[in-house]
PDB file of N, CA and C in Angstrom:
ATOM      1  N   MET A   1      31.632  31.006 -28.283  1.00  0.00           N
ATOM      2  CA  MET A   1      31.464  29.581 -28.390  1.00  0.00           C
ATOM      3  C   MET A   1      31.618  28.918 -27.023  1.00  0.00           C
ATOM      4  N   ILE A   2      32.651  29.269 -26.293  1.00  0.00           N
ATOM      5  CA  ILE A   2      32.881  28.704 -24.968  1.00  0.00           C
ATOM      6  C   ILE A   2      31.767  29.138 -24.018  1.00  0.00           C
ATOM      7  N   VAL A   3      31.350  30.389 -24.134  1.00  0.00           N
ATOM      8  CA  VAL A   3      30.285  30.917 -23.282  1.00  0.00           C
ATOM      9  C   VAL A   3      28.991  30.163 -23.548  1.00  0.00           C
ATOM     10  N   GLU A   4      28.679  29.945 -24.816  1.00  0.00           N
ATOM     11  CA  GLU A   4      27.464  29.220 -25.177  1.00  0.00           C
ATOM     12  C   GLU A   4      27.496  27.798 -24.629  1.00  0.00           C
ATOM     13  N   LYS A   5      28.650  27.175 -24.717  1.00  0.00           N
ATOM     14  CA  LYS A   5      28.805  25.803 -24.230  1.00  0.00           C
ATOM     15  C   LYS A   5      28.590  25.747 -22.712  1.00  0.00           C
ATOM     16  N   ARG A   6      29.153  26.704 -22.003  1.00  0.00           N
ATOM     17  CA  ARG A   6      28.995  26.739 -20.551  1.00  0.00           C
ATOM     18  C   ARG A   6      27.546  27.046 -20.173  1.00  0.00           C
ATOM     19  N   MET A   7      26.901  27.896 -20.936  1.00  0.00           N
ATOM     20  CA  MET A   7      25.490  28.212 -20.667  1.00  0.00           C
ATOM     21  C   MET A   7      24.624  26.966 -20.862  1.00  0.00           C
ATOM     22  N   LYS A   8      24.901  26.214 -21.934  1.00  0.00           N
ATOM     23  CA  LYS A   8      24.150  24.982 -22.176  1.00  0.00           C
ATOM     24  C   LYS A   8      24.381  23.982 -21.046  1.00  0.00           C
ATOM     25  N   GLN A   9      25.618  23.885 -20.582  1.00  0.00           N
ATOM     26  CA  GLN A   9      25.923  22.978 -19.479  1.00  0.00           C
ATOM     27  C   GLN A   9      25.187  23.413 -18.213  1.00  0.00           C
ATOM     28  N   GLY A  10      25.140  24.718 -17.988  1.00  0.00           N
ATOM     29  CA  GLY A  10      24.436  25.243 -16.815  1.00  0.00           C
ATOM     30  C   GLY A  10      22.953  24.940 -16.871  1.00  0.00           C
ATOM     31  N   VAL A  11      22.369  25.139 -18.050  1.00  0.00           N
ATOM     32  CA  VAL A  11      20.942  24.846 -18.224  1.00  0.00           C
ATOM     33  C   VAL A  11      20.703  23.356 -18.044  1.00  0.00           C
ATOM     34  N   THR A  12      21.574  22.552 -18.623  1.00  0.00           N
ATOM     35  CA  THR A  12      21.456  21.095 -18.491  1.00  0.00           C
ATOM     36  C   THR A  12      21.545  20.676 -17.027  1.00  0.00           C
ATOM     37  N   ASN A  13      22.486  21.258 -16.303  1.00  0.00           N
ATOM     38  CA  ASN A  13      22.630  20.942 -14.879  1.00  0.00           C
ATOM     39  C   ASN A  13      21.389  21.334 -14.096  1.00  0.00           C
ATOM     40  N   LEU A  14      20.826  22.504 -14.399  1.00  0.00           N
ATOM     41  CA  LEU A  14      19.610  22.933 -13.714  1.00  0.00           C
ATOM     42  C   LEU A  14      18.446  21.986 -14.003  1.00  0.00           C
ATOM     43  N   LEU A  15      18.333  21.578 -15.263  1.00  0.00           N
ATOM     44  CA  LEU A  15      17.273  20.647 -15.632  1.00  0.00           C
ATOM     45  C   LEU A  15      17.451  19.301 -14.931  1.00  0.00           C
ATOM     46  N   MET A  16      18.683  18.846 -14.858  1.00  0.00           N
ATOM     47  CA  MET A  16      18.956  17.569 -14.190  1.00  0.00           C
ATOM     48  C   MET A  16      18.650  17.668 -12.697  1.00  0.00           C
ATOM     49  N   GLU A  17      18.982  18.798 -12.089  1.00  0.00           N
ATOM     50  CA  GLU A  17      18.679  18.999 -10.671  1.00  0.00           C
ATOM     51  C   GLU A  17      17.174  19.011 -10.453  1.00  0.00           C
ATOM     52  N   GLN A  18      16.445  19.680 -11.345  1.00  0.00           N
ATOM     53  CA  GLN A  18      14.986  19.729 -11.234  1.00  0.00           C
ATOM     54  C   GLN A  18      14.390  18.332 -11.378  1.00  0.00           C
ATOM     55  N   GLU A  19      14.898  17.560 -12.342  1.00  0.00           N
ATOM     56  CA  GLU A  19      14.421  16.192 -12.533  1.00  0.00           C
ATOM     57  C   GLU A  19      14.711  15.351 -11.299  1.00  0.00           C
ATOM     58  N   LEU A  20      15.896  15.523 -10.733  1.00  0.00           N
ATOM     59  CA  LEU A  20      16.263  14.780  -9.529  1.00  0.00           C
ATOM     60  C   LEU A  20      15.343  15.155  -8.369  1.00  0.00           C
ATOM     61  N   ASP A  21      15.073  16.434  -8.206  1.00  0.00           N
ATOM     62  CA  ASP A  21      14.159  16.880  -7.154  1.00  0.00           C
ATOM     63  C   ASP A  21      12.758  16.303  -7.366  1.00  0.00           C
ATOM     64  N   ASP A  22      12.304  16.291  -8.618  1.00  0.00           N
ATOM     65  CA  ASP A  22      10.991  15.723  -8.930  1.00  0.00           C
ATOM     66  C   ASP A  22      10.953  14.231  -8.611  1.00  0.00           C
ATOM     67  N   MET A  23      12.029  13.535  -8.929  1.00  0.00           N
ATOM     68  CA  MET A  23      12.100  12.102  -8.656  1.00  0.00           C
ATOM     69  C   MET A  23      12.103  11.836  -7.148  1.00  0.00           C
ATOM     70  N   LYS A  24      12.818  12.651  -6.391  1.00  0.00           N
ATOM     71  CA  LYS A  24      12.842  12.502  -4.936  1.00  0.00           C
ATOM     72  C   LYS A  24      11.455  12.742  -4.355  1.00  0.00           C
ATOM     73  N   LYS A  25      10.771  13.751  -4.874  1.00  0.00           N
ATOM     74  CA  LYS A  25       9.415  14.061  -4.411  1.00  0.00           C
ATOM     75  C   LYS A  25       8.480  12.893  -4.696  1.00  0.00           C
ATOM     76  N   ARG A  26       8.556  12.346  -5.889  1.00  0.00           N
ATOM     77  CA  ARG A  26       7.697  11.218  -6.258  1.00  0.00           C
ATOM     78  C   ARG A  26       8.032   9.987  -5.417  1.00  0.00           C
ATOM     79  N   LEU A  27       9.302   9.755  -5.147  1.00  0.00           N
ATOM     80  CA  LEU A  27       9.708   8.634  -4.305  1.00  0.00           C
ATOM     81  C   LEU A  27       9.103   8.769  -2.911  1.00  0.00           C
ATOM     82  N   LYS A  28       9.145   9.966  -2.364  1.00  0.00           N
ATOM     83  CA  LYS A  28       8.562  10.206  -1.047  1.00  0.00           C
ATOM     84  C   LYS A  28       7.065   9.929  -1.075  1.00  0.00           C
ATOM     85  N   GLU A  29       6.377  10.379  -2.130  1.00  0.00           N
ATOM     86  CA  GLU A  29       4.946  10.131  -2.264  1.00  0.00           C
ATOM     87  C   GLU A  29       4.660   8.632  -2.332  1.00  0.00           C
ATOM     88  N   MET A  30       5.472   7.897  -3.093  1.00  0.00           N
ATOM     89  CA  MET A  30       5.267   6.453  -3.225  1.00  0.00           C
ATOM     90  C   MET A  30       5.508   5.743  -1.891  1.00  0.00           C
ATOM     91  N   GLU A  31       6.507   6.200  -1.143  1.00  0.00           N
ATOM     92  CA  GLU A  31       6.774   5.605   0.170  1.00  0.00           C
ATOM     93  C   GLU A  31       5.606   5.851   1.116  1.00  0.00           C
ATOM     94  N   GLU A  32       5.030   7.051   1.066  1.00  0.00           N
ATOM     95  CA  GLU A  32       3.870   7.363   1.898  1.00  0.00           C
ATOM     96  C   GLU A  32       2.663   6.517   1.488  1.00  0.00           C
ATOM     97  N   GLU A  33       2.461   6.344   0.188  1.00  0.00           N
ATOM     98  CA  GLU A  33       1.363   5.509  -0.305  1.00  0.00           C
ATOM     99  C   GLU A  33       1.561   4.064   0.134  1.00  0.00           C
ATOM    100  N   ALA A  34       2.791   3.579   0.059  1.00  0.00           N
ATOM    101  CA  ALA A  34       3.089   2.205   0.475  1.00  0.00           C
ATOM    102  C   ALA A  34       2.813   2.017   1.964  1.00  0.00           C
ATOM    103  N   ALA A  35       3.169   2.996   2.764  1.00  0.00           N
ATOM    104  CA  ALA A  35       2.916   2.923   4.202  1.00  0.00           C
ATOM    105  C   ALA A  35       1.414   2.895   4.474  1.00  0.00           C
ATOM    106  N   ALA A  36       0.660   3.707   3.746  1.00  0.00           N
ATOM    107  CA  ALA A  36      -0.795   3.723   3.912  1.00  0.00           C
ATOM    108  C   ALA A  36      -1.394   2.377   3.516  1.00  0.00           C
ATOM    109  N   ILE A  37      -0.893   1.791   2.447  1.00  0.00           N
ATOM    110  CA  ILE A  37      -1.389   0.479   2.010  1.00  0.00           C
ATOM    111  C   ILE A  37      -1.062  -0.590   3.047  1.00  0.00           C
ATOM    112  N   ARG A  38       0.149  -0.530   3.613  1.00  0.00           N
ATOM    113  CA  ARG A  38       0.518  -1.497   4.656  1.00  0.00           C
ATOM    114  C   ARG A  38      -0.405  -1.363   5.865  1.00  0.00           C
ATOM    115  N   ASP A  39      -0.730  -0.131   6.238  1.00  0.00           N
ATOM    116  CA  ASP A  39      -1.647   0.097   7.358  1.00  0.00           C
ATOM    117  C   ASP A  39      -3.030  -0.480   7.055  1.00  0.00           C
ATOM    118  N   MET A  40      -3.526  -0.210   5.842  1.00  0.00           N
ATOM    119  CA  MET A  40      -4.833  -0.749   5.461  1.00  0.00           C
ATOM    120  C   MET A  40      -4.822  -2.265   5.480  1.00  0.00           C
ATOM    121  N   GLN A  41      -3.751  -2.863   4.959  1.00  0.00           N
ATOM    122  CA  GLN A  41      -3.647  -4.316   4.925  1.00  0.00           C
ATOM    123  C   GLN A  41      -3.660  -4.889   6.337  1.00  0.00           C
ATOM    124  N   ALA A  42      -2.930  -4.266   7.242  1.00  0.00           N
ATOM    125  CA  ALA A  42      -2.885  -4.739   8.622  1.00  0.00           C
ATOM    126  C   ALA A  42      -4.268  -4.664   9.260  1.00  0.00           C
ATOM    127  N   LYS A  43      -4.995  -3.570   9.002  1.00  0.00           N
ATOM    128  CA  LYS A  43      -6.351  -3.424   9.552  1.00  0.00           C
ATOM    129  C   LYS A  43      -7.281  -4.495   8.999  1.00  0.00           C
ATOM    130  N   VAL A  44      -7.208  -4.734   7.698  1.00  0.00           N
ATOM    131  CA  VAL A  44      -8.066  -5.743   7.078  1.00  0.00           C
ATOM    132  C   VAL A  44      -7.742  -7.125   7.621  1.00  0.00           C
ATOM    133  N   GLU A  45      -6.457  -7.440   7.744  1.00  0.00           N
ATOM    134  CA  GLU A  45      -6.073  -8.741   8.284  1.00  0.00           C
ATOM    135  C   GLU A  45      -6.561  -8.909   9.720  1.00  0.00           C
ATOM    136  N   LYS A  46      -6.483  -7.845  10.494  1.00  0.00           N
ATOM    137  CA  LYS A  46      -6.958  -7.894  11.880  1.00  0.00           C
ATOM    138  C   LYS A  46      -8.460  -8.129  11.905  1.00  0.00           C
ATOM    139  N   GLU A  47      -9.203  -7.404  11.054  1.00  0.00           N
ATOM    140  CA  GLU A  47     -10.653  -7.574  10.997  1.00  0.00           C
ATOM    141  C   GLU A  47     -11.021  -8.977  10.521  1.00  0.00           C
ATOM    142  N   MET A  48     -10.298  -9.467   9.521  1.00  0.00           N
ATOM    143  CA  MET A  48     -10.585 -10.798   9.003  1.00  0.00           C
ATOM    144  C   MET A  48     -10.317 -11.860  10.072  1.00  0.00           C
ATOM    145  N   SER A  49      -9.263 -11.666  10.823  1.00  0.00           N
ATOM    146  CA  SER A  49      -8.932 -12.601  11.888  1.00  0.00           C
ATOM    147  C   SER A  49     -10.023 -12.594  12.954  1.00  0.00           C
ATOM    148  N   ALA A  50     -10.474 -11.411  13.331  1.00  0.00           N
ATOM    149  CA  ALA A  50     -11.535 -11.298  14.332  1.00  0.00           C
ATOM    150  C   ALA A  50     -12.822 -11.920  13.804  1.00  0.00           C
ATOM    151  N   ASN A  51     -13.157 -11.658  12.541  1.00  0.00           N
ATOM    152  CA  ASN A  51     -14.376 -12.214  11.949  1.00  0.00           C
ATOM    153  C   ASN A  51     -14.276 -13.721  11.805  1.00  0.00           C
ATOM    154  N   ALA A  52     -13.097 -14.224  11.479  1.00  0.00           N
ATOM    155  CA  ALA A  52     -12.914 -15.666  11.336  1.00  0.00           C
ATOM    156  C   ALA A  52     -13.133 -16.352  12.679  1.00  0.00           C
ATOM    157  N   ASN A  53     -12.639 -15.763  13.742  1.00  0.00           N
ATOM    158  CA  ASN A  53     -12.831 -16.338  15.073  1.00  0.00           C
ATOM    159  C   ASN A  53     -14.301 -16.309  15.459  1.00  0.00           C
ATOM    160  N   GLN A  54     -15.006 -15.244  15.144  1.00  0.00           N
ATOM    161  CA  GLN A  54     -16.433 -15.161  15.432  1.00  0.00           C
ATOM    162  C   GLN A  54     -17.193 -16.179  14.603  1.00  0.00           C
ATOM    163  N   GLY A  55     -16.770 -16.357  13.362  1.00  0.00           N
ATOM    164  CA  GLY A  55     -17.432 -17.310  12.483  1.00  0.00           C
ATOM    165  C   GLY A  55     -17.322 -18.724  13.002  1.00  0.00           C
ATOM    166  N   VAL A  56     -16.185 -19.065  13.573  1.00  0.00           N
ATOM    167  CA  VAL A  56     -16.001 -20.397  14.128  1.00  0.00           C
ATOM    168  C   VAL A  56     -16.964 -20.607  15.278  1.00  0.00           C
ATOM    169  N   CYS A  57     -17.132 -19.610  16.110  1.00  0.00           N
ATOM    170  CA  CYS A  57     -18.046 -19.733  17.245  1.00  0.00           C
ATOM    171  C   CYS A  57     -19.475 -19.912  16.753  1.00  0.00           C
ATOM    172  N   VAL A  58     -19.869 -19.154  15.767  1.00  0.00           N
ATOM    173  CA  VAL A  58     -21.218 -19.253  15.231  1.00  0.00           C
ATOM    174  C   VAL A  58     -21.421 -20.624  14.612  1.00  0.00           C
ATOM    175  N   CYS A  59     -20.450 -21.084  13.839  1.00  0.00           N
ATOM    176  CA  CYS A  59     -20.552 -22.396  13.196  1.00  0.00           C
ATOM    177  C   CYS A  59     -20.612 -23.500  14.235  1.00  0.00           C
ATOM    178  N   MET A  60     -19.827 -23.399  15.277  1.00  0.00           N
ATOM    179  CA  MET A  60     -19.835 -24.416  16.318  1.00  0.00           C
ATOM    180  C   MET A  60     -21.219 -24.488  16.942  1.00  0.00           C
ATOM    181  N   GLY A  61     -21.847 -23.336  17.135  1.00  0.00           N
ATOM    182  CA  GLY A  61     -23.202 -23.306  17.681  1.00  0.00           C
ATOM    183  C   GLY A  61     -24.199 -23.949  16.739  1.00  0.00           C
ATOM    184  N   LEU A  62     -24.031 -23.760  15.450  1.00  0.00           N
ATOM    185  CA  LEU A  62     -24.942 -24.342  14.481  1.00  0.00           C
ATOM    186  C   LEU A  62     -24.833 -25.853  14.453  1.00  0.00           C
ATOM    187  N   PHE A  63     -23.656 -26.373  14.617  1.00  0.00           N
ATOM    188  CA  PHE A  63     -23.455 -27.814  14.539  1.00  0.00           C
ATOM    189  C   PHE A  63     -23.859 -28.521  15.824  1.00  0.00           C
ATOM    190  N   ASP A  64     -24.146 -27.786  16.869  1.00  0.00           N
ATOM    191  CA  ASP A  64     -24.592 -28.402  18.103  1.00  0.00           C
ATOM    192  C   ASP A  64     -26.041 -28.890  17.983  1.00  0.00           C
ATOM    193  N   THR A  65     -26.799 -28.334  17.076  1.00  0.00           N
ATOM    194  CA  THR A  65     -28.187 -28.770  16.915  1.00  0.00           C
ATOM    195  C   THR A  65     -28.213 -30.140  16.257  1.00  0.00           C
ATOM    196  N   LYS A  66     -29.169 -30.942  16.639  1.00  0.00           N
ATOM    197  CA  LYS A  66     -29.258 -32.297  16.105  1.00  0.00           C
ATOM    198  C   LYS A  66     -30.255 -32.317  14.962  1.00  0.00           C
ATOM    199  N   VAL A  67     -29.926 -33.097  13.987  1.00  0.00           N
ATOM    200  CA  VAL A  67     -30.789 -33.237  12.828  1.00  0.00           C
ATOM    201  C   VAL A  67     -31.307 -34.668  12.799  1.00  0.00           C
ATOM    202  N   GLU A  68     -32.618 -34.787  12.646  1.00  0.00           N
ATOM    203  CA  GLU A  68     -33.197 -36.120  12.576  1.00  0.00           C
ATOM    204  C   GLU A  68     -33.548 -36.428  11.128  1.00  0.00           C
ATOM    205  N   ALA A  69     -33.242 -37.600  10.739  1.00  0.00           N
ATOM    206  CA  ALA A  69     -33.556 -38.023   9.378  1.00  0.00           C
ATOM    207  C   ALA A  69     -34.903 -38.724   9.383  1.00  0.00           C
ATOM    208  N   VAL A  70     -35.717 -38.420   8.421  1.00  0.00           N
ATOM    209  CA  VAL A  70     -37.019 -39.055   8.287  1.00  0.00           C
ATOM    210  C   VAL A  70     -36.928 -40.023   7.118  1.00  0.00           C
ATOM    211  N   TRP A  71     -37.207 -41.299   7.412  1.00  0.00           N
ATOM    212  CA  TRP A  71     -37.141 -42.307   6.337  1.00  0.00           C
ATOM    213  C   TRP A  71     -38.495 -42.799   6.007  1.00  0.00           C
TER     214      TRP A  71
END
């Protein structure tokens, strides 16, 4: 009876250790995914900023032309 109880505790401990290891592995994967997403976001923001500045220049050029109204 005591032996069986200790064996069950040992198996339970091994299972808990395996679950903990799996959770640590998944946490590491999620941290890596989060870092990749942050990198992508930074790149997109940089591109959007560059495109926004170019867009202003293009728009400024468009508004320099004069429009005549015909009545």
